[in-house]
Amino acid sequence: MLSAASTWLVVSLATEAARADRLLWAALVGVVAAGLTTKRYILAATDKQLVLLRASPVRNVAVSIDRRLEAGAVVQRVSGTLVTVDWSIDGAVYTATKHADKDLASLIAAT
């Protein structure tokens, strides 16, 4: 038979588990919402110039042309962290993952 103290402990643990579950769901919804509202871009090199394309929020697929960069546009690495790297593309700063940093550097070196 459960005593009053052990019953309170069971109810308290169930309440804490439900609170943690709600917190986890709230965090998950926040991460998904942030991911879907983030503007994504793709930098592409054509035969003539660099083109900045708008990308799909779900997949890395270009959906429209944002702007064409002039021949003298400055593209350079600005700063970085352990996970991301900031690139300045014609005066605007864009954040890329470290995984994409090597691809961006080789793209810029080839143009």
C-alpha atoms as a PDB file:
ATOM      1  CA  MET A   1       0.000   0.000   0.000  1.00  0.00           C
ATOM      2  CA  LEU A   2       1.296   3.466  -0.891  1.00  0.00           C
ATOM      3  CA  SER A   3       1.725   6.031   1.825  1.00  0.00           C
ATOM      4  CA  ALA A   4       0.752   9.667   1.371  1.00  0.00           C
ATOM      5  CA  ALA A   5       4.432  10.650   0.905  1.00  0.00           C
ATOM      6  CA  SER A   6       5.058   8.050  -1.807  1.00  0.00           C
ATOM      7  CA  THR A   7       1.821   9.005  -3.600  1.00  0.00           C
ATOM      8  CA  TRP A   8       2.915  12.648  -3.604  1.00  0.00           C
ATOM      9  CA  LEU A   9       6.313  11.610  -5.032  1.00  0.00           C
ATOM     10  CA  VAL A  10       4.680   9.666  -7.889  1.00  0.00           C
ATOM     11  CA  VAL A  11       2.376  12.593  -8.729  1.00  0.00           C
ATOM     12  CA  SER A  12       5.278  15.032  -8.510  1.00  0.00           C
ATOM     13  CA  LEU A  13       7.432  12.949 -10.870  1.00  0.00           C
ATOM     14  CA  ALA A  14       4.560  12.645 -13.348  1.00  0.00           C
ATOM     15  CA  THR A  15       4.037  16.412 -13.242  1.00  0.00           C
ATOM     16  CA  GLU A  16       7.748  17.058 -13.831  1.00  0.00           C
ATOM     17  CA  ALA A  17       7.789  14.612 -16.755  1.00  0.00           C
ATOM     18  CA  ALA A  18       4.772  16.330 -18.325  1.00  0.00           C
ATOM     19  CA  ARG A  19       6.412  19.746 -17.868  1.00  0.00           C
ATOM     20  CA  ALA A  20       9.645  18.509 -19.477  1.00  0.00           C
ATOM     21  CA  ASP A  21       7.639  16.994 -22.325  1.00  0.00           C
ATOM     22  CA  ARG A  22       5.868  20.313 -22.983  1.00  0.00           C
ATOM     23  CA  LEU A  23       9.188  22.151 -22.870  1.00  0.00           C
ATOM     24  CA  LEU A  24      10.693  19.724 -25.385  1.00  0.00           C
ATOM     25  CA  TRP A  25       7.735  20.189 -27.751  1.00  0.00           C
ATOM     26  CA  ALA A  26       7.924  23.984 -27.420  1.00  0.00           C
ATOM     27  CA  ALA A  27      11.651  23.926 -28.236  1.00  0.00           C
ATOM     28  CA  LEU A  28      11.064  21.644 -31.217  1.00  0.00           C
ATOM     29  CA  VAL A  29       8.333  23.907 -32.611  1.00  0.00           C
ATOM     30  CA  GLY A  30      10.626  26.920 -32.127  1.00  0.00           C
ATOM     31  CA  VAL A  31      13.499  25.287 -34.000  1.00  0.00           C
ATOM     32  CA  VAL A  32      11.240  24.245 -36.889  1.00  0.00           C
ATOM     33  CA  ALA A  33       9.691  27.720 -37.096  1.00  0.00           C
ATOM     34  CA  ALA A  34      13.125  29.351 -37.101  1.00  0.00           C
ATOM     35  CA  GLY A  35      14.326  27.006 -39.824  1.00  0.00           C
ATOM     36  CA  LEU A  36      11.325  27.665 -42.039  1.00  0.00           C
ATOM     37  CA  THR A  37      11.479  31.455 -41.651  1.00  0.00           C
ATOM     38  CA  THR A  38      15.230  31.757 -42.279  1.00  0.00           C
ATOM     39  CA  LYS A  39      16.092  33.204 -45.677  1.00  0.00           C
ATOM     40  CA  ARG A  40      18.398  30.862 -47.562  1.00  0.00           C
ATOM     41  CA  TYR A  41      20.638  31.738 -50.499  1.00  0.00           C
ATOM     42  CA  ILE A  42      22.847  29.903 -52.972  1.00  0.00           C
ATOM     43  CA  LEU A  43      25.894  31.533 -54.559  1.00  0.00           C
ATOM     44  CA  ALA A  44      26.448  30.213 -58.069  1.00  0.00           C
ATOM     45  CA  ALA A  45      29.160  30.914 -60.624  1.00  0.00           C
ATOM     46  CA  THR A  46      28.153  31.163 -64.267  1.00  0.00           C
ATOM     47  CA  ASP A  47      30.431  31.698 -67.268  1.00  0.00           C
ATOM     48  CA  LYS A  48      29.989  35.466 -66.988  1.00  0.00           C
ATOM     49  CA  GLN A  49      29.370  36.334 -63.320  1.00  0.00           C
ATOM     50  CA  LEU A  50      28.399  35.275 -59.827  1.00  0.00           C
ATOM     51  CA  VAL A  51      24.664  34.992 -59.149  1.00  0.00           C
ATOM     52  CA  LEU A  52      22.986  35.034 -55.743  1.00  0.00           C
ATOM     53  CA  LEU A  53      19.902  32.798 -55.812  1.00  0.00           C
ATOM     54  CA  ARG A  54      17.043  32.457 -53.316  1.00  0.00           C
ATOM     55  CA  ALA A  55      16.817  28.886 -52.030  1.00  0.00           C
ATOM     56  CA  SER A  56      13.940  26.783 -50.825  1.00  0.00           C
ATOM     57  CA  PRO A  57      13.501  26.821 -47.026  1.00  0.00           C
ATOM     58  CA  VAL A  58      13.221  23.032 -46.988  1.00  0.00           C
ATOM     59  CA  ARG A  59      15.845  21.848 -49.484  1.00  0.00           C
ATOM     60  CA  ASN A  60      18.967  23.419 -50.977  1.00  0.00           C
ATOM     61  CA  VAL A  61      17.309  24.116 -54.329  1.00  0.00           C
ATOM     62  CA  ALA A  62      17.294  27.498 -56.068  1.00  0.00           C
ATOM     63  CA  VAL A  63      13.819  28.949 -56.567  1.00  0.00           C
ATOM     64  CA  SER A  64      14.598  32.408 -57.997  1.00  0.00           C
ATOM     65  CA  ILE A  65      17.383  34.844 -58.841  1.00  0.00           C
ATOM     66  CA  ASP A  66      17.958  37.341 -56.047  1.00  0.00           C
ATOM     67  CA  ARG A  67      20.616  39.389 -57.839  1.00  0.00           C
ATOM     68  CA  ARG A  68      23.495  39.196 -60.253  1.00  0.00           C
ATOM     69  CA  LEU A  69      26.828  40.343 -58.866  1.00  0.00           C
ATOM     70  CA  GLU A  70      28.954  42.753 -60.856  1.00  0.00           C
ATOM     71  CA  ALA A  71      32.464  41.791 -61.948  1.00  0.00           C
ATOM     72  CA  GLY A  72      34.074  43.881 -59.185  1.00  0.00           C
ATOM     73  CA  ALA A  73      31.864  42.585 -56.368  1.00  0.00           C
ATOM     74  CA  VAL A  74      33.825  41.870 -53.210  1.00  0.00           C
ATOM     75  CA  VAL A  75      33.312  38.390 -51.784  1.00  0.00           C
ATOM     76  CA  GLN A  76      35.391  37.568 -48.718  1.00  0.00           C
ATOM     77  CA  ARG A  77      35.347  35.601 -45.490  1.00  0.00           C
ATOM     78  CA  VAL A  78      34.644  37.975 -42.590  1.00  0.00           C
ATOM     79  CA  SER A  79      34.659  35.882 -39.427  1.00  0.00           C
ATOM     80  CA  GLY A  80      33.763  32.500 -38.088  1.00  0.00           C
ATOM     81  CA  THR A  81      32.865  30.398 -35.097  1.00  0.00           C
ATOM     82  CA  LEU A  82      33.233  26.743 -34.311  1.00  0.00           C
ATOM     83  CA  VAL A  83      30.169  25.888 -36.417  1.00  0.00           C
ATOM     84  CA  THR A  84      29.601  28.763 -38.876  1.00  0.00           C
ATOM     85  CA  VAL A  85      31.516  31.190 -41.089  1.00  0.00           C
ATOM     86  CA  ASP A  86      30.366  34.684 -42.082  1.00  0.00           C
ATOM     87  CA  TRP A  87      30.950  35.784 -45.660  1.00  0.00           C
ATOM     88  CA  SER A  88      30.603  39.328 -46.981  1.00  0.00           C
ATOM     89  CA  ILE A  89      29.091  39.251 -50.454  1.00  0.00           C
ATOM     90  CA  ASP A  90      28.965  42.671 -52.073  1.00  0.00           C
ATOM     91  CA  GLY A  91      28.521  44.408 -48.718  1.00  0.00           C
ATOM     92  CA  ALA A  92      25.928  42.069 -47.163  1.00  0.00           C
ATOM     93  CA  VAL A  93      26.951  39.444 -44.599  1.00  0.00           C
ATOM     94  CA  TYR A  94      25.727  35.855 -44.990  1.00  0.00           C
ATOM     95  CA  THR A  95      26.313  32.960 -42.591  1.00  0.00           C
ATOM     96  CA  ALA A  96      27.332  29.547 -43.892  1.00  0.00           C
ATOM     97  CA  THR A  97      28.149  26.311 -42.119  1.00  0.00           C
ATOM     98  CA  LYS A  98      31.751  25.173 -41.803  1.00  0.00           C
ATOM     99  CA  HIS A  99      30.773  22.300 -44.087  1.00  0.00           C
ATOM    100  CA  ALA A 100      29.983  24.765 -46.914  1.00  0.00           C
ATOM    101  CA  ASP A 101      33.009  26.986 -46.247  1.00  0.00           C
ATOM    102  CA  LYS A 102      35.442  24.966 -48.389  1.00  0.00           C
ATOM    103  CA  ASP A 103      32.999  24.956 -51.304  1.00  0.00           C
ATOM    104  CA  LEU A 104      32.530  28.727 -51.080  1.00  0.00           C
ATOM    105  CA  ALA A 105      36.290  29.323 -50.889  1.00  0.00           C
ATOM    106  CA  SER A 106      36.946  27.156 -53.952  1.00  0.00           C
ATOM    107  CA  LEU A 107      34.088  28.842 -55.848  1.00  0.00           C
ATOM    108  CA  ILE A 108      35.531  32.287 -55.130  1.00  0.00           C
ATOM    109  CA  ALA A 109      39.065  31.172 -56.005  1.00  0.00           C
ATOM    110  CA  ALA A 110      37.876  29.814 -59.371  1.00  0.00           C
ATOM    111  CA  THR A 111      36.241  33.102 -60.425  1.00  0.00           C
END
